[in-house]
């Protein structure tokens, strides 16, 4: 019967090969960090339309919660502006106080509330 011998190969890394790999890795990391920093730069100028879209999305996210989504309040407040959706609690006309009041969406402009 034969005996199995494991052959060990010893790879010798040359200094030039090692330095090239190090430089390539550092360059890659530097470029990816610069690209991500440029994408996430909050000081980048946006057009008016882009800024308006971002504001609408942020308002929508802030107002959304459990239940229905906020209404669009365009032309709901008459000539008053800005007309924005708000959640208000509806207090029923009971003589005793409740611990829970249902909430509903209304359009608010100044101190006035309007039906959506």
C-alpha atoms as a PDB file:
ATOM      1  CA  UNK A   1       0.000   0.000   0.000  1.00  0.00           C
ATOM      2  CA  UNK A   2       1.134   3.403  -0.755  1.00  0.00           C
ATOM      3  CA  UNK A   3       1.500   6.262   1.679  1.00  0.00           C
ATOM      4  CA  UNK A   4      -0.088   9.616   0.811  1.00  0.00           C
ATOM      5  CA  UNK A   5       2.233  12.536   1.109  1.00  0.00           C
ATOM      6  CA  UNK A   6       0.977  16.081   1.373  1.00  0.00           C
ATOM      7  CA  UNK A   7       2.971  18.454  -0.661  1.00  0.00           C
ATOM      8  CA  UNK A   8       3.283  21.923   0.779  1.00  0.00           C
ATOM      9  CA  UNK A   9       3.790  24.693  -1.654  1.00  0.00           C
ATOM     10  CA  UNK A  10       5.445  27.726  -0.254  1.00  0.00           C
ATOM     11  CA  UNK A  11       4.447  30.867  -2.058  1.00  0.00           C
ATOM     12  CA  UNK A  12       6.821  33.695  -1.731  1.00  0.00           C
ATOM     13  CA  UNK A  13       5.264  37.093  -2.104  1.00  0.00           C
ATOM     14  CA  UNK A  14       7.482  39.646  -3.636  1.00  0.00           C
ATOM     15  CA  UNK A  15       7.513  43.114  -2.101  1.00  0.00           C
ATOM     16  CA  UNK A  16       6.300  44.704  -5.353  1.00  0.00           C
ATOM     17  CA  UNK A  17       3.256  42.414  -5.496  1.00  0.00           C
ATOM     18  CA  UNK A  18       2.389  43.213  -1.865  1.00  0.00           C
ATOM     19  CA  UNK A  19       2.751  46.963  -2.301  1.00  0.00           C
ATOM     20  CA  UNK A  20       0.617  46.931  -5.455  1.00  0.00           C
ATOM     21  CA  UNK A  21      -2.192  45.117  -3.619  1.00  0.00           C
ATOM     22  CA  UNK A  22      -1.965  47.564  -0.723  1.00  0.00           C
ATOM     23  CA  UNK A  23      -2.050  50.599  -2.996  1.00  0.00           C
ATOM     24  CA  UNK A  24      -4.940  49.177  -5.017  1.00  0.00           C
ATOM     25  CA  UNK A  25      -6.964  48.476  -1.855  1.00  0.00           C
ATOM     26  CA  UNK A  26      -6.321  51.912  -0.385  1.00  0.00           C
ATOM     27  CA  UNK A  27      -7.217  53.579  -3.671  1.00  0.00           C
ATOM     28  CA  UNK A  28     -10.466  51.628  -3.856  1.00  0.00           C
ATOM     29  CA  UNK A  29     -11.413  52.572  -0.287  1.00  0.00           C
ATOM     30  CA  UNK A  30     -10.575  56.217  -0.884  1.00  0.00           C
ATOM     31  CA  UNK A  31     -12.631  56.419  -4.076  1.00  0.00           C
ATOM     32  CA  UNK A  32     -15.668  54.734  -2.544  1.00  0.00           C
ATOM     33  CA  UNK A  33     -15.610  57.068   0.459  1.00  0.00           C
ATOM     34  CA  UNK A  34     -15.336  60.140  -1.790  1.00  0.00           C
ATOM     35  CA  UNK A  35     -18.229  58.975  -3.976  1.00  0.00           C
ATOM     36  CA  UNK A  36     -20.456  58.257  -0.979  1.00  0.00           C
ATOM     37  CA  UNK A  37     -19.587  61.630   0.574  1.00  0.00           C
ATOM     38  CA  UNK A  38     -20.544  63.417  -2.632  1.00  0.00           C
ATOM     39  CA  UNK A  39     -23.871  61.583  -2.828  1.00  0.00           C
ATOM     40  CA  UNK A  40     -24.799  62.373   0.775  1.00  0.00           C
ATOM     41  CA  UNK A  41     -23.610  65.969   0.755  1.00  0.00           C
ATOM     42  CA  UNK A  42     -26.458  68.030   2.287  1.00  0.00           C
ATOM     43  CA  UNK A  43     -25.007  71.303   1.005  1.00  0.00           C
ATOM     44  CA  UNK A  44     -25.574  70.285  -2.599  1.00  0.00           C
ATOM     45  CA  UNK A  45     -27.927  72.726  -4.336  1.00  0.00           C
ATOM     46  CA  UNK A  46     -31.319  71.402  -5.402  1.00  0.00           C
ATOM     47  CA  UNK A  47     -33.687  73.007  -7.838  1.00  0.00           C
ATOM     48  CA  UNK A  48     -36.905  74.489  -6.466  1.00  0.00           C
ATOM     49  CA  UNK A  49     -38.950  71.612  -7.847  1.00  0.00           C
ATOM     50  CA  UNK A  50     -36.662  68.979  -6.310  1.00  0.00           C
ATOM     51  CA  UNK A  51     -36.765  70.780  -2.953  1.00  0.00           C
ATOM     52  CA  UNK A  52     -40.581  70.922  -3.087  1.00  0.00           C
ATOM     53  CA  UNK A  53     -40.815  67.190  -3.810  1.00  0.00           C
ATOM     54  CA  UNK A  54     -38.466  66.389  -0.931  1.00  0.00           C
ATOM     55  CA  UNK A  55     -40.497  68.587   1.445  1.00  0.00           C
ATOM     56  CA  UNK A  56     -43.746  66.863   0.415  1.00  0.00           C
ATOM     57  CA  UNK A  57     -42.230  63.425   0.987  1.00  0.00           C
ATOM     58  CA  UNK A  58     -40.875  64.451   4.400  1.00  0.00           C
ATOM     59  CA  UNK A  59     -44.241  65.912   5.443  1.00  0.00           C
ATOM     60  CA  UNK A  60     -45.984  62.767   4.227  1.00  0.00           C
ATOM     61  CA  UNK A  61     -43.625  60.569   6.275  1.00  0.00           C
ATOM     62  CA  UNK A  62     -43.949  62.750   9.353  1.00  0.00           C
ATOM     63  CA  UNK A  63     -47.742  62.801   9.241  1.00  0.00           C
ATOM     64  CA  UNK A  64     -48.313  59.216   8.275  1.00  0.00           C
ATOM     65  CA  UNK A  65     -49.004  56.846  11.074  1.00  0.00           C
ATOM     66  CA  UNK A  66     -51.446  54.114  11.876  1.00  0.00           C
ATOM     67  CA  UNK A  67     -54.665  54.395   9.959  1.00  0.00           C
ATOM     68  CA  UNK A  68     -55.402  56.466   6.919  1.00  0.00           C
ATOM     69  CA  UNK A  69     -52.974  58.652   5.042  1.00  0.00           C
ATOM     70  CA  UNK A  70     -53.178  62.465   5.172  1.00  0.00           C
ATOM     71  CA  UNK A  71     -55.459  64.172   2.674  1.00  0.00           C
ATOM     72  CA  UNK A  72     -54.306  66.606   0.035  1.00  0.00           C
ATOM     73  CA  UNK A  73     -55.458  69.978   1.247  1.00  0.00           C
ATOM     74  CA  UNK A  74     -55.330  71.802  -2.065  1.00  0.00           C
ATOM     75  CA  UNK A  75     -58.114  74.350  -2.369  1.00  0.00           C
ATOM     76  CA  UNK A  76     -59.650  73.253   0.946  1.00  0.00           C
ATOM     77  CA  UNK A  77     -58.798  76.362   2.951  1.00  0.00           C
ATOM     78  CA  UNK A  78     -60.231  78.940   0.549  1.00  0.00           C
ATOM     79  CA  UNK A  79     -57.743  81.741  -0.062  1.00  0.00           C
ATOM     80  CA  UNK A  80     -55.792  81.047   3.122  1.00  0.00           C
ATOM     81  CA  UNK A  81     -52.330  79.555   2.729  1.00  0.00           C
ATOM     82  CA  UNK A  82     -50.401  77.464   3.566  1.00  0.00           C
ATOM     83  CA  UNK A  83     -53.085  74.797   3.942  1.00  0.00           C
ATOM     84  CA  UNK A  84     -51.590  71.712   5.584  1.00  0.00           C
ATOM     85  CA  UNK A  85     -53.044  68.381   6.789  1.00  0.00           C
ATOM     86  CA  UNK A  86     -53.177  67.857  10.563  1.00  0.00           C
ATOM     87  CA  UNK A  87     -54.519  65.153  12.865  1.00  0.00           C
ATOM     88  CA  UNK A  88     -57.077  66.342  15.400  1.00  0.00           C
ATOM     89  CA  UNK A  89     -58.896  64.449  18.126  1.00  0.00           C
ATOM     90  CA  UNK A  90     -62.666  64.356  17.834  1.00  0.00           C
ATOM     91  CA  UNK A  91     -64.337  64.842  21.188  1.00  0.00           C
ATOM     92  CA  UNK A  92     -67.836  63.415  21.318  1.00  0.00           C
ATOM     93  CA  UNK A  93     -70.543  65.390  23.126  1.00  0.00           C
ATOM     94  CA  UNK A  94     -70.630  63.218  26.243  1.00  0.00           C
ATOM     95  CA  UNK A  95     -70.980  64.741  29.703  1.00  0.00           C
ATOM     96  CA  UNK A  96     -68.201  62.511  31.068  1.00  0.00           C
ATOM     97  CA  UNK A  97     -64.581  62.514  29.944  1.00  0.00           C
ATOM     98  CA  UNK A  98     -63.155  59.689  27.918  1.00  0.00           C
ATOM     99  CA  UNK A  99     -59.638  58.319  28.040  1.00  0.00           C
ATOM    100  CA  UNK A 100     -59.546  57.870  24.282  1.00  0.00           C
ATOM    101  CA  UNK A 101     -60.653  60.273  21.593  1.00  0.00           C
ATOM    102  CA  UNK A 102     -60.716  59.172  17.967  1.00  0.00           C
ATOM    103  CA  UNK A 103     -58.561  61.161  15.586  1.00  0.00           C
ATOM    104  CA  UNK A 104     -59.435  62.528  12.163  1.00  0.00           C
ATOM    105  CA  UNK A 105     -57.679  64.447   9.415  1.00  0.00           C
ATOM    106  CA  UNK A 106     -58.426  68.120   8.891  1.00  0.00           C
ATOM    107  CA  UNK A 107     -56.831  70.841   6.809  1.00  0.00           C
ATOM    108  CA  UNK A 108     -55.377  73.682   8.863  1.00  0.00           C
ATOM    109  CA  UNK A 109     -54.526  77.207   7.857  1.00  0.00           C
ATOM    110  CA  UNK A 110     -53.585  79.619  10.608  1.00  0.00           C
ATOM    111  CA  UNK A 111     -55.913  78.861  13.536  1.00  0.00           C
ATOM    112  CA  UNK A 112     -58.750  77.594  11.307  1.00  0.00           C
ATOM    113  CA  UNK A 113     -59.615  73.953  10.565  1.00  0.00           C
ATOM    114  CA  UNK A 114     -61.291  72.884   7.337  1.00  0.00           C
ATOM    115  CA  UNK A 115     -62.804  69.600   6.182  1.00  0.00           C
ATOM    116  CA  UNK A 116     -60.611  67.837   3.630  1.00  0.00           C
END
